[in-house]
Amino acid sequence: MPEVLPRFRDAVGVGRVAGPKIEEGRQPIYRWAASSRRDVERTGALIGPWLSREKREQFSAAVGLRFAQQPIDTVAWAAGLFDAEGSTSLSSHRSHAGYKMIEAAVTQGSSGGQPGELIRLRRVAALGTIYGPYAQEGANQPVFRWRAYARDDARRAIHLLQPWLGDVKRKQALRCLVVIDAQPPLPRGRVEWGSHKTRCIHGHEYASARIRPYVSRGVGIQLRDNKQCLTCMREQARVRRGRK
């Protein structure tokens, strides 16, 4: 049984956890449910201050609850969303074999643009980007995804949310951080070029590729070599003229 469901039941003080429901090709499914009007009203009243507009409308339609104030944005709320619908994962680096990249993400479906919960999550965490919509097999709506995938962004998101995360999502996140922290510093750029590149990818020296001397638009700025190869630009221009 997922740890988060008994925690939720104990927090609201009503309802029961049922399951597992077995479906072929899927993990066993458990659910918390409150079936009496009184229990539903109690649950809505307790968690209502943090609910999105869509969830509030469901409580209003079911038992007539009304919510006067705007939803409260807190880190604890964001952690609850991540605990339910988020994950931390590792993927192979695109250009450096053996290196791993970390990502913290929350995925939701929405037919009306970016989901309000993901917008709130980005605002509370003050980092990450919302991507989408994507077409996903088996999904009834277009899929959007909040992602914090730069190493430092993912680390900040995890440390921000982890005090309120359940044991499963906390351990998942910390295992990913252990892998990332064990990696040596990732080399950047072409090592053979050193820290200051003086030639373009075709071997032309920047200093000798310029037609006219560099003139700074500022005052008192030291002359520098152009980092756009003018020899390559002239050759590309000749090719374009030849095509015409």
C-alpha atoms as a PDB file:
ATOM      1  CA  MET A   1       0.000   0.000   0.000  1.00  0.00           C
ATOM      2  CA  PRO A   2       1.420   3.443  -0.925  1.00  0.00           C
ATOM      3  CA  GLU A   3       2.522   5.355   2.157  1.00  0.00           C
ATOM      4  CA  VAL A   4       0.854   8.583   1.006  1.00  0.00           C
ATOM      5  CA  LEU A   5      -2.695   7.208   1.245  1.00  0.00           C
ATOM      6  CA  PRO A   6      -2.649   6.336   4.978  1.00  0.00           C
ATOM      7  CA  ARG A   7      -0.942   9.693   5.589  1.00  0.00           C
ATOM      8  CA  PHE A   8      -3.764  11.478   3.791  1.00  0.00           C
ATOM      9  CA  ARG A   9      -6.424   9.470   5.646  1.00  0.00           C
ATOM     10  CA  ASP A  10      -4.829  10.311   8.985  1.00  0.00           C
ATOM     11  CA  ALA A  11      -4.545  14.007   8.065  1.00  0.00           C
ATOM     12  CA  VAL A  12      -8.243  14.449   7.220  1.00  0.00           C
ATOM     13  CA  GLY A  13      -9.441  11.930   9.837  1.00  0.00           C
ATOM     14  CA  VAL A  14     -12.072  10.244   7.640  1.00  0.00           C
ATOM     15  CA  GLY A  15     -12.370   7.782   4.774  1.00  0.00           C
ATOM     16  CA  ARG A  16     -10.720   4.466   4.116  1.00  0.00           C
ATOM     17  CA  VAL A  17      -7.969   3.056   1.937  1.00  0.00           C
ATOM     18  CA  ALA A  18      -9.024   0.245  -0.375  1.00  0.00           C
ATOM     19  CA  GLY A  19      -7.226  -2.054  -2.760  1.00  0.00           C
ATOM     20  CA  PRO A  20      -5.383  -3.464  -4.459  1.00  0.00           C
ATOM     21  CA  LYS A  21      -7.209  -3.394  -7.801  1.00  0.00           C
ATOM     22  CA  ILE A  22      -5.421  -5.634 -10.266  1.00  0.00           C
ATOM     23  CA  GLU A  23      -5.288  -4.734 -13.965  1.00  0.00           C
ATOM     24  CA  GLU A  24      -3.188  -6.526 -16.537  1.00  0.00           C
ATOM     25  CA  GLY A  25      -0.001  -4.669 -17.420  1.00  0.00           C
ATOM     26  CA  ARG A  26      -0.299  -2.190 -14.537  1.00  0.00           C
ATOM     27  CA  GLN A  27       0.872  -2.056 -10.951  1.00  0.00           C
ATOM     28  CA  PRO A  28      -1.718  -2.812  -8.231  1.00  0.00           C
ATOM     29  CA  ILE A  29      -3.941   0.246  -7.641  1.00  0.00           C
ATOM     30  CA  TYR A  30      -4.938   1.525  -4.189  1.00  0.00           C
ATOM     31  CA  ARG A  31      -7.328   4.379  -3.446  1.00  0.00           C
ATOM     32  CA  TRP A  32      -8.529   6.490  -0.537  1.00  0.00           C
ATOM     33  CA  ALA A  33     -12.260   7.226  -0.573  1.00  0.00           C
ATOM     34  CA  ALA A  34     -14.805   9.036   1.606  1.00  0.00           C
ATOM     35  CA  SER A  35     -18.338   8.009   0.686  1.00  0.00           C
ATOM     36  CA  SER A  36     -20.632   9.888   3.116  1.00  0.00           C
ATOM     37  CA  ARG A  37     -21.668  13.513   2.568  1.00  0.00           C
ATOM     38  CA  ARG A  38     -20.394  14.521   5.997  1.00  0.00           C
ATOM     39  CA  ASP A  39     -16.970  13.002   5.353  1.00  0.00           C
ATOM     40  CA  VAL A  40     -16.721  14.629   1.913  1.00  0.00           C
ATOM     41  CA  GLU A  41     -17.668  18.015   3.389  1.00  0.00           C
ATOM     42  CA  ARG A  42     -15.074  17.607   6.148  1.00  0.00           C
ATOM     43  CA  THR A  43     -12.363  16.693   3.642  1.00  0.00           C
ATOM     44  CA  GLY A  44     -13.209  19.612   1.363  1.00  0.00           C
ATOM     45  CA  ALA A  45     -13.242  22.077   4.253  1.00  0.00           C
ATOM     46  CA  LEU A  46      -9.843  20.876   5.521  1.00  0.00           C
ATOM     47  CA  ILE A  47      -7.940  20.834   2.231  1.00  0.00           C
ATOM     48  CA  GLY A  48      -9.951  23.504   0.390  1.00  0.00           C
ATOM     49  CA  PRO A  49      -7.608  26.448   1.124  1.00  0.00           C
ATOM     50  CA  TRP A  50      -4.903  24.806  -1.036  1.00  0.00           C
ATOM     51  CA  LEU A  51      -7.057  23.297  -3.801  1.00  0.00           C
ATOM     52  CA  SER A  52      -7.060  24.501  -7.391  1.00  0.00           C
ATOM     53  CA  ARG A  53     -10.126  26.108  -8.934  1.00  0.00           C
ATOM     54  CA  GLU A  54     -11.025  22.882 -10.757  1.00  0.00           C
ATOM     55  CA  LYS A  55     -10.957  20.746  -7.593  1.00  0.00           C
ATOM     56  CA  ARG A  56     -12.952  23.347  -5.661  1.00  0.00           C
ATOM     57  CA  GLU A  57     -15.628  23.274  -8.341  1.00  0.00           C
ATOM     58  CA  GLN A  58     -15.891  19.490  -7.912  1.00  0.00           C
ATOM     59  CA  PHE A  59     -16.540  19.874  -4.159  1.00  0.00           C
ATOM     60  CA  SER A  60     -19.047  22.640  -4.872  1.00  0.00           C
ATOM     61  CA  ALA A  61     -20.925  20.454  -7.352  1.00  0.00           C
ATOM     62  CA  ALA A  62     -20.878  17.405  -5.044  1.00  0.00           C
ATOM     63  CA  VAL A  63     -21.790  18.849  -1.639  1.00  0.00           C
ATOM     64  CA  GLY A  64     -22.285  22.591  -2.173  1.00  0.00           C
ATOM     65  CA  LEU A  65     -19.068  23.776  -0.510  1.00  0.00           C
ATOM     66  CA  ARG A  66     -18.091  27.392  -1.145  1.00  0.00           C
ATOM     67  CA  PHE A  67     -14.579  28.797  -0.893  1.00  0.00           C
ATOM     68  CA  ALA A  68     -14.222  32.533  -0.353  1.00  0.00           C
ATOM     69  CA  GLN A  69     -10.445  32.975  -0.473  1.00  0.00           C
ATOM     70  CA  GLN A  70      -7.967  32.355  -3.277  1.00  0.00           C
ATOM     71  CA  PRO A  71      -5.911  29.124  -3.190  1.00  0.00           C
ATOM     72  CA  ILE A  72      -2.891  29.348  -0.873  1.00  0.00           C
ATOM     73  CA  ASP A  73       0.469  28.732  -2.521  1.00  0.00           C
ATOM     74  CA  THR A  74       2.904  27.057  -0.109  1.00  0.00           C
ATOM     75  CA  VAL A  75       5.924  24.793  -0.419  1.00  0.00           C
ATOM     76  CA  ALA A  76       4.023  22.080   1.482  1.00  0.00           C
ATOM     77  CA  TRP A  77       1.272  22.189  -1.150  1.00  0.00           C
ATOM     78  CA  ALA A  78       3.871  21.970  -3.950  1.00  0.00           C
ATOM     79  CA  ALA A  79       5.459  18.963  -2.216  1.00  0.00           C
ATOM     80  CA  GLY A  80       2.053  17.276  -2.032  1.00  0.00           C
ATOM     81  CA  LEU A  81       1.587  17.739  -5.777  1.00  0.00           C
ATOM     82  CA  PHE A  82       5.068  16.375  -6.459  1.00  0.00           C
ATOM     83  CA  ASP A  83       4.503  13.454  -4.085  1.00  0.00           C
ATOM     84  CA  ALA A  84       1.364  12.467  -5.980  1.00  0.00           C
ATOM     85  CA  GLU A  85       2.295  13.178  -9.607  1.00  0.00           C
ATOM     86  CA  GLY A  86       6.024  13.922  -9.730  1.00  0.00           C
ATOM     87  CA  SER A  87       9.224  11.940 -10.080  1.00  0.00           C
ATOM     88  CA  THR A  88      13.000  12.304 -10.047  1.00  0.00           C
ATOM     89  CA  SER A  89      14.872  10.386 -12.730  1.00  0.00           C
ATOM     90  CA  LEU A  90      18.246   9.941 -14.430  1.00  0.00           C
ATOM     91  CA  SER A  91      18.968   9.785 -18.153  1.00  0.00           C
ATOM     92  CA  SER A  92      22.103   9.304 -20.218  1.00  0.00           C
ATOM     93  CA  HIS A  93      23.983  12.434 -21.271  1.00  0.00           C
ATOM     94  CA  ARG A  94      23.566  13.129 -24.970  1.00  0.00           C
ATOM     95  CA  SER A  95      27.225  13.778 -25.770  1.00  0.00           C
ATOM     96  CA  HIS A  96      29.294  12.392 -22.856  1.00  0.00           C
ATOM     97  CA  ALA A  97      29.149   8.603 -22.583  1.00  0.00           C
ATOM     98  CA  GLY A  98      28.802   7.320 -19.039  1.00  0.00           C
ATOM     99  CA  TYR A  99      27.468  10.597 -17.620  1.00  0.00           C
ATOM    100  CA  LYS A 100      23.973  10.921 -16.228  1.00  0.00           C
ATOM    101  CA  MET A 101      21.598  13.906 -16.192  1.00  0.00           C
ATOM    102  CA  ILE A 102      19.024  14.448 -13.435  1.00  0.00           C
ATOM    103  CA  GLU A 103      15.457  15.680 -13.834  1.00  0.00           C
ATOM    104  CA  ALA A 104      12.641  16.495 -11.414  1.00  0.00           C
ATOM    105  CA  ALA A 105       9.300  16.554 -13.233  1.00  0.00           C
ATOM    106  CA  VAL A 106       5.524  16.652 -12.767  1.00  0.00           C
ATOM    107  CA  THR A 107       3.220  15.595 -15.619  1.00  0.00           C
ATOM    108  CA  GLN A 108      -0.449  16.510 -16.031  1.00  0.00           C
ATOM    109  CA  GLY A 109      -3.061  16.402 -18.776  1.00  0.00           C
ATOM    110  CA  SER A 110      -5.123  19.425 -19.784  1.00  0.00           C
ATOM    111  CA  SER A 111      -7.309  20.363 -22.740  1.00  0.00           C
ATOM    112  CA  GLY A 112      -7.358  24.066 -21.831  1.00  0.00           C
ATOM    113  CA  GLY A 113      -3.696  25.030 -22.021  1.00  0.00           C
ATOM    114  CA  GLN A 114      -1.092  24.770 -19.287  1.00  0.00           C
ATOM    115  CA  PRO A 115      -2.601  23.206 -16.114  1.00  0.00           C
ATOM    116  CA  GLY A 116      -3.087  25.643 -13.255  1.00  0.00           C
ATOM    117  CA  GLU A 117      -1.324  23.324 -10.807  1.00  0.00           C
ATOM    118  CA  LEU A 118       1.874  23.328 -12.896  1.00  0.00           C
ATOM    119  CA  ILE A 119       1.792  27.122 -13.154  1.00  0.00           C
ATOM    120  CA  ARG A 120       1.411  27.340  -9.363  1.00  0.00           C
ATOM    121  CA  LEU A 121       4.234  24.832  -8.864  1.00  0.00           C
ATOM    122  CA  ARG A 122       6.593  26.867 -11.042  1.00  0.00           C
ATOM    123  CA  ARG A 123       5.622  30.017  -9.144  1.00  0.00           C
ATOM    124  CA  VAL A 124       6.123  28.454  -5.698  1.00  0.00           C
ATOM    125  CA  ALA A 125       9.410  26.737  -6.583  1.00  0.00           C
ATOM    126  CA  ALA A 126      10.635  29.808  -8.533  1.00  0.00           C
ATOM    127  CA  LEU A 127      12.349  27.506 -11.045  1.00  0.00           C
ATOM    128  CA  GLY A 128      11.648  24.978 -13.769  1.00  0.00           C
ATOM    129  CA  THR A 129       9.897  25.232 -17.138  1.00  0.00           C
ATOM    130  CA  ILE A 130       6.531  23.939 -18.369  1.00  0.00           C
ATOM    131  CA  TYR A 131       6.683  22.035 -21.666  1.00  0.00           C
ATOM    132  CA  GLY A 132       3.916  20.777 -23.910  1.00  0.00           C
ATOM    133  CA  PRO A 133       1.409  19.953 -25.061  1.00  0.00           C
ATOM    134  CA  TYR A 134       2.465  16.449 -26.031  1.00  0.00           C
ATOM    135  CA  ALA A 135       0.415  13.632 -27.503  1.00  0.00           C
ATOM    136  CA  GLN A 136       0.893  10.596 -25.256  1.00  0.00           C
ATOM    137  CA  GLU A 137      -0.361   7.099 -25.941  1.00  0.00           C
ATOM    138  CA  GLY A 138      -3.202   6.201 -23.580  1.00  0.00           C
ATOM    139  CA  ALA A 139      -3.747   9.792 -22.406  1.00  0.00           C
ATOM    140  CA  ASN A 140      -7.229  11.298 -22.751  1.00  0.00           C
ATOM    141  CA  GLN A 141      -5.915  14.889 -22.887  1.00  0.00           C
ATOM    142  CA  PRO A 142      -2.813  16.686 -24.163  1.00  0.00           C
ATOM    143  CA  VAL A 143       0.060  16.242 -21.710  1.00  0.00           C
ATOM    144  CA  PHE A 144       2.095  19.058 -20.127  1.00  0.00           C
ATOM    145  CA  ARG A 145       5.237  18.635 -18.046  1.00  0.00           C
ATOM    146  CA  TRP A 146       6.983  20.862 -15.500  1.00  0.00           C
ATOM    147  CA  ARG A 147      10.700  20.074 -15.532  1.00  0.00           C
ATOM    148  CA  ALA A 148      13.695  21.142 -13.479  1.00  0.00           C
ATOM    149  CA  TYR A 149      16.463  19.406 -15.388  1.00  0.00           C
ATOM    150  CA  ALA A 150      19.590  21.516 -15.012  1.00  0.00           C
ATOM    151  CA  ARG A 151      21.595  19.874 -12.244  1.00  0.00           C
ATOM    152  CA  ASP A 152      21.491  22.865  -9.905  1.00  0.00           C
ATOM    153  CA  ASP A 153      17.776  23.496 -10.586  1.00  0.00           C
ATOM    154  CA  ALA A 154      16.873  19.875  -9.887  1.00  0.00           C
ATOM    155  CA  ARG A 155      18.935  19.961  -6.680  1.00  0.00           C
ATOM    156  CA  ARG A 156      17.233  23.156  -5.493  1.00  0.00           C
ATOM    157  CA  ALA A 157      13.779  21.724  -6.258  1.00  0.00           C
ATOM    158  CA  ILE A 158      14.514  18.509  -4.354  1.00  0.00           C
ATOM    159  CA  HIS A 159      15.891  20.278  -1.285  1.00  0.00           C
ATOM    160  CA  LEU A 160      12.968  22.713  -1.321  1.00  0.00           C
ATOM    161  CA  LEU A 161      10.304  19.980  -1.394  1.00  0.00           C
ATOM    162  CA  GLN A 162      11.908  17.046   0.440  1.00  0.00           C
ATOM    163  CA  PRO A 163      10.863  17.967   4.051  1.00  0.00           C
ATOM    164  CA  TRP A 164       7.217  17.294   3.068  1.00  0.00           C
ATOM    165  CA  LEU A 165       7.742  14.391   0.647  1.00  0.00           C
ATOM    166  CA  GLY A 166       6.755  10.842   1.418  1.00  0.00           C
ATOM    167  CA  ASP A 167       9.409   8.205   1.940  1.00  0.00           C
ATOM    168  CA  VAL A 168       9.207   6.807  -1.612  1.00  0.00           C
ATOM    169  CA  LYS A 169       9.679  10.095  -3.481  1.00  0.00           C
ATOM    170  CA  ARG A 170      12.306  11.331  -1.010  1.00  0.00           C
ATOM    171  CA  LYS A 171      14.434   8.184  -1.385  1.00  0.00           C
ATOM    172  CA  GLN A 172      13.991   8.274  -5.169  1.00  0.00           C
ATOM    173  CA  ALA A 173      15.260  11.863  -5.300  1.00  0.00           C
ATOM    174  CA  LEU A 174      18.181  11.279  -2.941  1.00  0.00           C
ATOM    175  CA  ARG A 175      19.310   8.162  -4.856  1.00  0.00           C
ATOM    176  CA  CYS A 176      19.477  10.263  -8.041  1.00  0.00           C
ATOM    177  CA  LEU A 177      21.480  12.978  -6.257  1.00  0.00           C
ATOM    178  CA  VAL A 178      23.966  10.392  -4.981  1.00  0.00           C
ATOM    179  CA  VAL A 179      24.650   9.286  -8.576  1.00  0.00           C
ATOM    180  CA  ILE A 180      25.026  12.864  -9.817  1.00  0.00           C
ATOM    181  CA  ASP A 181      27.327  13.864  -6.952  1.00  0.00           C
ATOM    182  CA  ALA A 182      29.565  10.820  -7.521  1.00  0.00           C
ATOM    183  CA  GLN A 183      30.324  11.872 -11.094  1.00  0.00           C
ATOM    184  CA  PRO A 184      33.558  13.775 -11.817  1.00  0.00           C
ATOM    185  CA  PRO A 185      33.181  17.331 -13.136  1.00  0.00           C
ATOM    186  CA  LEU A 186      31.895  17.265 -16.688  1.00  0.00           C
ATOM    187  CA  PRO A 187      34.479  18.558 -19.190  1.00  0.00           C
ATOM    188  CA  ARG A 188      33.163  21.465 -21.237  1.00  0.00           C
ATOM    189  CA  GLY A 189      34.039  22.408 -24.807  1.00  0.00           C
ATOM    190  CA  ARG A 190      36.963  21.088 -26.829  1.00  0.00           C
ATOM    191  CA  VAL A 191      39.863  20.372 -24.498  1.00  0.00           C
ATOM    192  CA  GLU A 192      42.420  20.773 -27.312  1.00  0.00           C
ATOM    193  CA  TRP A 193      41.302  24.379 -27.836  1.00  0.00           C
ATOM    194  CA  GLY A 194      42.027  25.391 -24.258  1.00  0.00           C
ATOM    195  CA  SER A 195      39.982  27.957 -22.366  1.00  0.00           C
ATOM    196  CA  HIS A 196      40.160  30.565 -25.171  1.00  0.00           C
ATOM    197  CA  LYS A 197      39.328  29.473 -28.707  1.00  0.00           C
ATOM    198  CA  THR A 198      41.386  31.187 -31.428  1.00  0.00           C
ATOM    199  CA  ARG A 199      40.272  29.255 -34.526  1.00  0.00           C
ATOM    200  CA  CYS A 200      36.931  28.308 -36.045  1.00  0.00           C
ATOM    201  CA  ILE A 201      35.871  24.693 -36.613  1.00  0.00           C
ATOM    202  CA  HIS A 202      37.408  24.816 -40.127  1.00  0.00           C
ATOM    203  CA  GLY A 203      40.793  25.937 -38.820  1.00  0.00           C
ATOM    204  CA  HIS A 204      40.701  29.616 -39.824  1.00  0.00           C
ATOM    205  CA  GLU A 205      42.413  31.882 -37.318  1.00  0.00           C
ATOM    206  CA  TYR A 206      40.013  34.519 -36.020  1.00  0.00           C
ATOM    207  CA  ALA A 207      42.703  37.230 -35.840  1.00  0.00           C
ATOM    208  CA  SER A 208      43.630  36.908 -39.539  1.00  0.00           C
ATOM    209  CA  ALA A 209      40.077  36.321 -40.833  1.00  0.00           C
ATOM    210  CA  ARG A 210      39.017  39.932 -40.295  1.00  0.00           C
ATOM    211  CA  ILE A 211      38.879  42.290 -43.270  1.00  0.00           C
ATOM    212  CA  ARG A 212      38.890  45.528 -41.305  1.00  0.00           C
ATOM    213  CA  PRO A 213      40.256  46.265 -37.820  1.00  0.00           C
ATOM    214  CA  TYR A 214      37.854  45.752 -34.940  1.00  0.00           C
ATOM    215  CA  VAL A 215      36.328  49.014 -33.695  1.00  0.00           C
ATOM    216  CA  SER A 216      34.649  48.921 -30.275  1.00  0.00           C
ATOM    217  CA  ARG A 217      31.290  50.627 -29.840  1.00  0.00           C
ATOM    218  CA  GLY A 218      32.081  51.290 -26.192  1.00  0.00           C
ATOM    219  CA  VAL A 219      34.586  53.583 -24.552  1.00  0.00           C
ATOM    220  CA  GLY A 220      37.880  52.238 -23.252  1.00  0.00           C
ATOM    221  CA  ILE A 221      37.129  48.626 -24.271  1.00  0.00           C
ATOM    222  CA  GLN A 222      40.164  46.599 -25.294  1.00  0.00           C
ATOM    223  CA  LEU A 223      40.395  45.459 -28.919  1.00  0.00           C
ATOM    224  CA  ARG A 224      39.518  41.827 -29.385  1.00  0.00           C
ATOM    225  CA  ASP A 225      39.495  39.168 -32.095  1.00  0.00           C
ATOM    226  CA  ASN A 226      36.132  38.509 -33.711  1.00  0.00           C
ATOM    227  CA  LYS A 227      34.557  35.186 -32.683  1.00  0.00           C
ATOM    228  CA  GLN A 228      32.625  34.892 -35.942  1.00  0.00           C
ATOM    229  CA  CYS A 229      34.847  33.587 -38.737  1.00  0.00           C
ATOM    230  CA  LEU A 230      34.675  36.073 -41.605  1.00  0.00           C
ATOM    231  CA  THR A 231      36.546  33.711 -43.924  1.00  0.00           C
ATOM    232  CA  CYS A 232      33.758  31.141 -43.539  1.00  0.00           C
ATOM    233  CA  MET A 233      31.140  33.866 -43.998  1.00  0.00           C
ATOM    234  CA  ARG A 234      32.718  34.995 -47.291  1.00  0.00           C
ATOM    235  CA  GLU A 235      32.893  31.400 -48.555  1.00  0.00           C
ATOM    236  CA  GLN A 236      29.242  30.811 -47.652  1.00  0.00           C
ATOM    237  CA  ALA A 237      28.275  34.052 -49.432  1.00  0.00           C
ATOM    238  CA  ARG A 238      30.076  32.907 -52.604  1.00  0.00           C
ATOM    239  CA  VAL A 239      28.148  29.603 -52.505  1.00  0.00           C
ATOM    240  CA  ARG A 240      24.823  31.438 -52.133  1.00  0.00           C
ATOM    241  CA  ARG A 241      25.631  33.748 -55.050  1.00  0.00           C
ATOM    242  CA  GLY A 242      26.587  30.746 -57.174  1.00  0.00           C
ATOM    243  CA  ARG A 243      23.208  29.108 -56.505  1.00  0.00           C
ATOM    244  CA  LYS A 244      21.391  32.211 -57.745  1.00  0.00           C
END
